[in-house]
Protein backbone atom coordinates (compact mmCIF):
# COMPACT_ATOMS: atom_id res chain seq x y z
CA MET A 1 -30.91 21.76 13.17
CA ASP A 2 -31.02 25.21 13.53
CA LEU A 3 -27.58 25.73 13.35
CA ASN A 4 -27.50 29.31 14.44
CA THR A 5 -29.35 28.92 18.08
CA ILE A 6 -26.11 27.02 19.00
CA THR A 7 -22.81 27.41 19.97
CA LEU A 8 -19.22 27.30 18.34
CA SER A 9 -18.21 24.24 21.10
CA ASP A 10 -21.86 22.51 20.26
CA PHE A 11 -21.19 22.56 16.45
CA VAL A 12 -17.60 21.35 16.69
CA ARG A 13 -18.72 18.26 19.14
CA ASN A 14 -21.46 17.17 17.09
CA ALA A 15 -18.87 18.00 13.88
CA GLU A 16 -16.19 15.50 15.56
CA ILE A 17 -19.19 13.01 15.40
CA LEU A 18 -20.04 13.68 11.99
CA TRP A 19 -15.81 13.09 10.93
CA LEU A 20 -15.65 9.94 12.44
CA ALA A 21 -18.74 8.66 10.65
CA GLY A 22 -16.81 9.94 8.21
CA LYS A 23 -13.74 7.84 8.97
CA ASP A 24 -15.63 4.72 9.43
CA MET A 25 -16.77 4.85 6.34
CA PHE A 26 -13.43 4.31 4.50
CA SER A 27 -11.89 1.49 3.53
CA ALA A 28 -8.54 1.01 4.21
CA GLU A 29 -7.51 -2.14 1.43
CA MET A 30 -3.59 -1.77 1.46
CA ARG A 31 -3.04 -0.19 4.81
CA GLY A 32 -5.14 -3.16 6.50
CA SER A 33 -4.08 -5.68 3.80
CA GLY A 34 -1.14 -7.53 5.63
CA ILE A 35 1.16 -6.17 3.00
CA ILE A 36 2.52 -3.25 4.91
CA ARG A 37 4.76 -2.38 7.57
CA GLU A 38 3.84 0.00 9.87
CA ILE A 39 6.23 1.92 11.94
CA ASN A 40 5.49 4.54 13.66
CA ILE A 41 7.35 7.85 13.19
CA PRO A 42 7.60 10.22 16.67
CA GLN A 43 7.53 13.82 16.89
CA ASN A 44 10.86 15.82 16.90
CA THR A 45 12.38 12.79 16.00
CA GLY A 46 13.72 13.63 12.29
CA ASN A 47 11.98 13.76 9.09
CA THR A 48 13.80 10.46 7.17
CA ARG A 49 14.06 7.38 7.86
CA GLU A 50 16.68 4.66 6.33
CA PHE A 51 15.81 0.81 6.02
CA SER A 52 17.56 -1.57 4.79
CA GLU A 53 17.16 -6.08 4.88
CA ILE A 54 19.94 -8.01 6.59
CA ASP A 55 20.56 -11.63 5.54
CA LEU A 56 22.41 -14.62 7.43
CA GLU A 57 23.88 -17.41 5.81
CA GLN A 58 21.37 -20.29 5.59
CA TYR A 59 23.24 -23.36 6.65
CA ALA A 60 26.15 -24.51 9.55
CA LYS A 61 29.46 -25.68 8.91
CA VAL A 62 30.47 -28.98 9.85
CA LYS A 63 32.82 -28.44 13.35
CA ALA A 64 35.34 -30.86 13.88
CA GLU A 65 36.46 -32.21 17.23
CA ARG A 66 38.46 -29.49 19.39
CA GLU A 67 37.47 -27.29 16.18
CA GLN A 68 36.24 -23.45 16.76
CA ALA A 69 33.17 -23.22 15.25
CA LYS A 70 33.12 -21.40 11.89
CA TYR A 71 31.47 -17.32 12.59
CA ALA A 72 28.26 -17.34 10.27
CA ASP A 73 28.84 -14.28 7.46
CA VAL A 74 25.80 -11.65 7.58
CA GLN A 75 25.46 -9.44 4.63
CA GLN A 76 23.06 -6.29 4.49
CA GLY A 77 21.10 -5.15 2.04
CA TYR A 78 20.50 -2.63 -0.54
CA SER A 79 19.55 0.31 2.10
CA LYS A 80 16.66 3.32 1.41
CA VAL A 81 15.73 6.52 2.72
CA GLY A 82 11.67 7.74 3.49
CA THR A 83 11.42 11.09 3.72
CA LEU A 84 8.22 12.29 5.58
CA TYR A 85 5.60 14.38 4.15
CA ARG A 86 2.81 16.14 5.16
CA VAL A 87 -1.15 16.37 3.04
CA ALA A 88 -3.91 18.80 3.97
CA LEU A 89 -7.00 20.04 2.77
CA ALA A 90 -9.47 22.34 4.36
CA GLU A 91 -13.23 23.27 4.30
CA ALA A 92 -14.96 26.78 5.30
CA ILE A 93 -18.54 26.38 7.04
CA THR A 94 -20.35 29.71 6.24
CA TYR A 95 -22.42 32.05 8.10
CA GLU A 96 -25.11 32.09 5.64
CA MET A 97 -24.68 27.77 5.58
CA ARG A 98 -24.93 27.53 9.53
CA SER A 99 -27.87 29.48 9.94
CA GLN A 100 -30.06 29.19 6.68
CA GLY A 101 -31.24 25.70 6.73
CA LYS A 102 -28.37 24.21 4.94
CA TYR A 103 -27.40 22.25 7.56
CA LEU A 104 -27.61 18.31 5.18
CA ASP A 105 -24.73 20.70 3.02
CA VAL A 106 -23.00 20.87 6.26
CA GLN A 107 -23.23 17.38 7.40
CA GLN A 108 -21.99 16.28 3.67
CA ARG A 109 -18.69 18.62 4.24
CA LEU A 110 -17.84 17.46 7.70
CA THR A 111 -18.48 13.79 6.72
CA ASN A 112 -16.49 14.11 3.88
CA LEU A 113 -13.11 15.89 4.74
CA LEU A 114 -11.03 13.68 7.00
CA PRO A 115 -11.62 10.77 4.12
CA THR A 116 -9.67 12.79 1.85
CA VAL A 117 -6.18 12.14 3.68
CA MET A 118 -7.00 9.08 4.42
CA ASN A 119 -7.94 8.39 0.92
CA ARG A 120 -4.54 9.91 -0.45
CA LEU A 121 -2.89 7.76 1.88
CA GLU A 122 -4.37 5.07 0.01
CA LEU A 123 -3.49 6.80 -3.21
CA ASP A 124 0.09 6.89 -2.72
CA LEU A 125 0.27 3.81 -1.53
CA GLN A 126 -1.53 1.92 -4.26
CA HIS A 127 0.66 3.94 -6.87
CA ARG A 128 3.62 2.28 -5.86
CA PHE A 129 1.74 -0.86 -7.31
CA THR A 130 0.39 1.05 -9.88
CA PHE A 131 4.27 2.17 -11.23
CA GLY A 132 6.30 -0.44 -9.88
CA THR A 133 7.35 -1.10 -13.09
CA ALA A 134 8.64 2.81 -13.32
CA THR A 135 11.53 4.08 -11.37
CA SER A 136 9.71 7.64 -10.93
CA TYR A 137 6.11 9.25 -11.60
CA THR A 138 4.66 12.73 -11.17
CA ASP A 139 2.01 12.70 -8.60
CA LEU A 140 -0.96 14.20 -8.74
CA ASP A 141 0.54 17.44 -6.84
CA GLY A 142 3.14 17.72 -9.41
CA ARG A 143 5.82 15.89 -6.77
CA THR A 144 8.51 13.76 -8.85
CA VAL A 145 8.10 10.12 -6.21
CA ASP A 146 11.12 8.10 -6.25
CA THR A 147 9.89 4.88 -6.80
CA THR A 148 12.64 2.62 -7.11
CA VAL A 149 14.48 -0.13 -4.87
CA GLY A 150 17.53 -0.47 -2.88
CA ASP A 151 19.05 -1.74 -6.44
CA THR A 152 18.37 1.33 -7.70
CA LEU A 153 15.44 -0.51 -9.85
CA ALA A 154 11.72 -0.86 -10.33
CA LEU A 155 9.89 -2.49 -7.94
CA PHE A 156 8.99 -4.78 -10.69
CA SER A 157 12.16 -5.69 -12.66
CA THR A 158 13.61 -8.91 -14.66
CA ALA A 159 17.19 -8.45 -12.50
CA HIS A 160 17.16 -7.23 -9.55
CA THR A 161 20.49 -7.34 -8.02
CA LEU A 162 22.24 -8.70 -4.67
CA ARG A 163 24.34 -7.75 -2.47
CA GLY A 164 26.42 -10.51 -1.97
CA SER A 165 26.12 -11.73 -5.22
CA ALA A 166 27.00 -11.96 -9.21
CA SER A 167 23.51 -13.59 -9.29
CA THR A 168 20.30 -11.35 -10.35
CA PHE A 169 16.23 -12.41 -9.59
CA ARG A 170 13.24 -11.32 -11.47
CA ASN A 171 9.58 -10.71 -10.11
CA ARG A 172 8.08 -9.66 -13.37
CA LEU A 173 6.44 -12.40 -14.56
CA ALA A 174 7.38 -13.15 -18.22
CA ASN A 175 4.90 -12.12 -20.94
CA ASN A 176 2.80 -10.83 -18.56
CA PRO A 177 -0.08 -12.98 -18.71
CA GLN A 178 -3.52 -12.51 -17.26
CA VAL A 179 -4.49 -14.38 -13.79
CA ALA A 180 -5.53 -17.62 -14.47
CA ARG A 181 -4.64 -21.67 -12.81
CA GLY A 182 -1.64 -21.91 -15.41
CA SER A 183 -0.71 -18.19 -15.13
CA LEU A 184 -0.84 -18.54 -11.45
CA GLU A 185 1.14 -21.68 -11.38
CA GLY A 186 3.90 -19.56 -13.81
CA MET A 187 4.44 -17.41 -11.19
CA GLU A 188 4.71 -19.62 -8.31
CA LYS A 189 7.17 -21.26 -10.58
CA MET A 190 8.94 -17.79 -11.08
CA ARG A 191 8.87 -17.10 -6.79
CA ILE A 192 10.72 -20.78 -6.33
CA GLU A 193 13.53 -20.05 -9.07
CA ASN A 194 14.06 -16.51 -8.04
CA SER A 195 13.44 -16.14 -4.03
CA LEU A 196 16.88 -15.59 -2.97
CA ASN A 197 18.67 -13.98 -0.03
CA GLN A 198 21.75 -11.25 -0.59
CA PHE A 199 24.34 -14.63 -0.79
CA GLY A 200 22.18 -15.94 -4.00
CA GLU A 201 20.71 -18.55 -1.44
CA LYS A 202 17.78 -20.51 -2.25
CA VAL A 203 15.03 -19.68 0.40
CA PRO A 204 11.81 -20.85 0.52
CA VAL A 205 8.47 -19.46 -0.80
CA SER A 206 6.34 -17.90 1.67
CA ASP A 207 3.37 -16.22 -0.53
CA ASP A 208 0.34 -16.42 0.93
CA ILE A 209 -1.51 -12.90 -0.59
CA LEU A 210 -2.86 -12.46 -4.45
CA TRP A 211 -3.25 -9.38 -4.60
CA THR A 212 -5.20 -7.69 -7.85
CA THR A 213 -7.07 -4.84 -8.89
CA ASP A 214 -11.08 -4.02 -8.92
CA ASP A 215 -11.42 -5.51 -12.40
CA PRO A 216 -14.69 -7.48 -12.42
CA ASN A 217 -13.18 -10.21 -14.39
CA THR A 218 -10.16 -10.65 -12.95
CA ILE A 219 -11.29 -10.40 -9.15
CA ASN A 220 -14.21 -13.59 -10.54
CA THR A 221 -11.25 -15.79 -11.20
CA VAL A 222 -9.16 -15.20 -8.58
CA ARG A 223 -12.69 -15.90 -6.47
CA GLU A 224 -13.00 -19.45 -8.70
CA LEU A 225 -9.59 -20.23 -7.96
CA LEU A 226 -9.19 -19.67 -4.64
CA GLN A 227 -12.88 -20.53 -3.45
CA SER A 228 -14.30 -23.70 -5.82
CA SER A 229 -14.22 -26.78 -4.03
CA ALA A 230 -13.78 -28.97 -7.15
CA GLU A 231 -10.79 -28.20 -9.57
CA ILE A 232 -12.47 -25.53 -12.34
CA SER A 233 -11.84 -27.55 -15.20
CA ALA A 234 -13.26 -31.41 -12.95
CA PRO A 235 -15.53 -33.02 -14.76
CA ASN A 236 -16.90 -33.87 -11.36
CA ALA A 237 -16.76 -32.64 -7.56
CA GLY A 238 -15.20 -35.14 -6.28
CA VAL A 239 -11.45 -33.63 -7.68
CA VAL A 240 -9.44 -32.02 -4.69
CA ASN A 241 -8.74 -27.79 -6.08
CA VAL A 242 -5.45 -27.15 -4.81
CA TYR A 243 -5.99 -23.33 -4.34
CA ARG A 244 -8.75 -23.46 -2.34
CA GLY A 245 -7.79 -20.71 1.02
CA LYS A 246 -4.00 -20.93 -0.30
CA TYR A 247 -3.81 -17.39 -0.80
CA LYS A 248 -5.51 -14.13 0.71
CA HIS A 249 -7.22 -12.46 -1.93
CA VAL A 250 -6.44 -8.38 -1.70
CA LYS A 251 -8.32 -6.28 -3.80
CA LEU A 252 -6.87 -2.78 -4.44
CA SER A 253 -8.94 -0.55 -6.15
CA ARG A 254 -6.52 2.42 -6.84
CA VAL A 255 -3.77 0.30 -8.83
CA ALA A 256 -5.64 0.91 -11.94
CA THR A 257 -5.69 4.73 -11.86
CA ASP A 258 -3.80 7.86 -13.29
CA ALA A 259 -1.57 10.11 -11.05
CA SER A 260 -4.32 11.79 -10.21
CA GLY A 261 -6.37 8.84 -8.97
CA ASN A 262 -8.62 8.97 -12.46
CA VAL A 263 -9.31 5.65 -14.05
CA ASP A 264 -6.76 4.08 -16.17
CA SER A 265 -7.96 1.64 -17.32
CA THR A 266 -4.68 -0.54 -19.36
CA LYS A 267 -3.80 -0.63 -16.17
CA ALA A 268 -6.49 -2.96 -14.68
CA LYS A 269 -5.38 -6.18 -15.45
CA TYR A 270 -2.61 -5.47 -13.04
CA TRP A 271 -2.26 -8.76 -9.86
CA GLY A 272 0.97 -10.67 -7.88
CA LEU A 273 1.98 -12.57 -5.50
CA ILE A 274 3.10 -11.25 -1.76
CA SER A 275 5.23 -12.73 0.99
CA SER A 276 4.06 -10.87 4.35
CA ARG A 277 6.40 -12.88 5.77
CA ARG A 278 9.19 -11.22 4.11
CA SER A 279 7.69 -7.91 3.08
CA ALA A 280 9.14 -4.84 2.58
CA PHE A 281 7.28 -2.00 2.44
CA TYR A 282 7.69 0.03 4.97
CA LEU A 283 4.98 2.91 5.76
CA GLY A 284 6.48 5.40 8.62
CA MET A 285 3.24 7.34 9.96
CA HIS A 286 3.61 11.01 11.69
CA GLU A 287 0.89 12.54 11.68
CA GLU A 288 -2.78 9.96 11.80
CA PRO A 289 -5.15 11.65 9.37
CA ARG A 290 -6.83 14.18 11.65
CA VAL A 291 -9.39 16.89 11.78
CA ILE A 292 -8.13 20.26 12.99
CA ALA A 293 -11.56 22.45 14.38
CA PRO A 294 -11.86 26.02 14.93
CA THR A 295 -12.37 27.63 18.13
CA PRO A 296 -13.69 30.45 19.16
CA ARG A 297 -11.71 33.77 18.38
CA GLY A 298 -8.97 31.21 17.58
CA ASN A 299 -7.74 29.01 14.85
CA SER A 300 -9.43 29.15 12.07
CA ASP A 301 -12.16 31.14 13.33
CA ASP A 302 -12.83 34.12 10.39
CA ALA A 303 -13.84 37.32 11.83
CA LEU A 304 -14.51 39.04 8.45
CA THR A 305 -16.22 36.70 6.46
CA ASP A 306 -18.05 34.48 9.56
CA ASP A 307 -16.33 31.31 8.08
CA TRP A 308 -15.19 28.05 10.02
CA VAL A 309 -12.64 26.32 8.57
CA PHE A 310 -12.17 22.62 9.24
CA ASN A 311 -8.38 21.77 8.52
CA ALA A 312 -7.69 17.90 7.46
CA ARG A 313 -3.89 17.06 8.24
CA GLY A 314 -1.72 13.82 7.92
CA GLY A 315 1.87 13.34 7.23
CA TRP A 316 3.90 9.77 6.58
CA LEU A 317 6.56 8.08 4.89
CA ILE A 318 6.65 5.34 2.16
CA VAL A 319 9.61 3.39 1.24
CA ILE A 320 10.68 -0.23 -0.39
CA PRO A 321 14.38 -1.13 0.27
CA ALA A 322 13.75 -4.22 -1.62
CA ALA A 323 11.90 -6.16 -3.74
CA GLY A 324 12.26 -10.05 -3.03
CA PHE A 325 8.58 -10.25 -1.37
CA ALA A 326 6.79 -9.29 -3.88
CA SER A 327 5.52 -10.52 -7.66
CA PHE A 328 3.67 -8.92 -10.79
CA SER A 329 2.50 -9.30 -14.10
CA SER A 330 0.68 -6.35 -16.28
CA GLY A 331 -1.95 -8.79 -17.44
CA ASP A 332 -1.86 -6.77 -20.76
CA GLY A 333 0.74 -10.03 -22.87
CA THR A 334 3.55 -8.09 -23.38
CA ALA A 335 6.86 -10.05 -23.54
């Protein structure tokens, strides 16, 4: 395509097709997993949102004849405030690229521009699990990211506290085993014994998601557990596999990374269970990932260099006020 014969408006129209194609090639693993509760944050409505849990006591009380019904106790859980932030990246398309037959370079740059914002959103979301045993981490921009939940502890802890009870609960599996039939049953048992509301009352477990990293051995083990027609070690095919279809498997390819998104093999065996119904993992979208195109003699149309600058932008907040919806094992066998 001979770009030196087209107008800027024609090029922008073609560019829009290219970055939309880039968007279509992107996989929103975490955002589309069912783990996230997403809310919209409109323009001019402030840069923070506060999130909290509220529990109603579970059991009605006996009412004798002509007695007044007792009022239910309500207990608010811990609160957590999320703050909006923006991400951005720009790409300059030079006159030489446009006019000297480098259209493939132009195409590649524009196709890759929008996914940079979407990739950053996925990285920030998945890093809440990556650094789920810490109270903070330093991200790739050098910012300190608070990863505590409302009780000021890390997302995955052995002693989470409650607002209306002295009881505590854990959502990190003891000894951190790799995923297997026995360890999955161990995590299920932990969930049953540690699924509490703010009053300390036991509540039914509703886990429906089994999440892992992209480690092949871990993925294959989970697929055997969830998809086999018979129990894995059964000598015949007539034995029912009780795990078949029990959980949705969610693969999170960016969990086993460092703060900059580079491979971190020490996190390769991370896995856990999630209740999508009880999820307290909130994403507040203020500015959907988008590309801002230059306009003739306007924004990002540089009269001195002849560059056309395309800008990618996005803005959101991420906050997790409560930890009861999720559980975790690092898979490294540490006590």
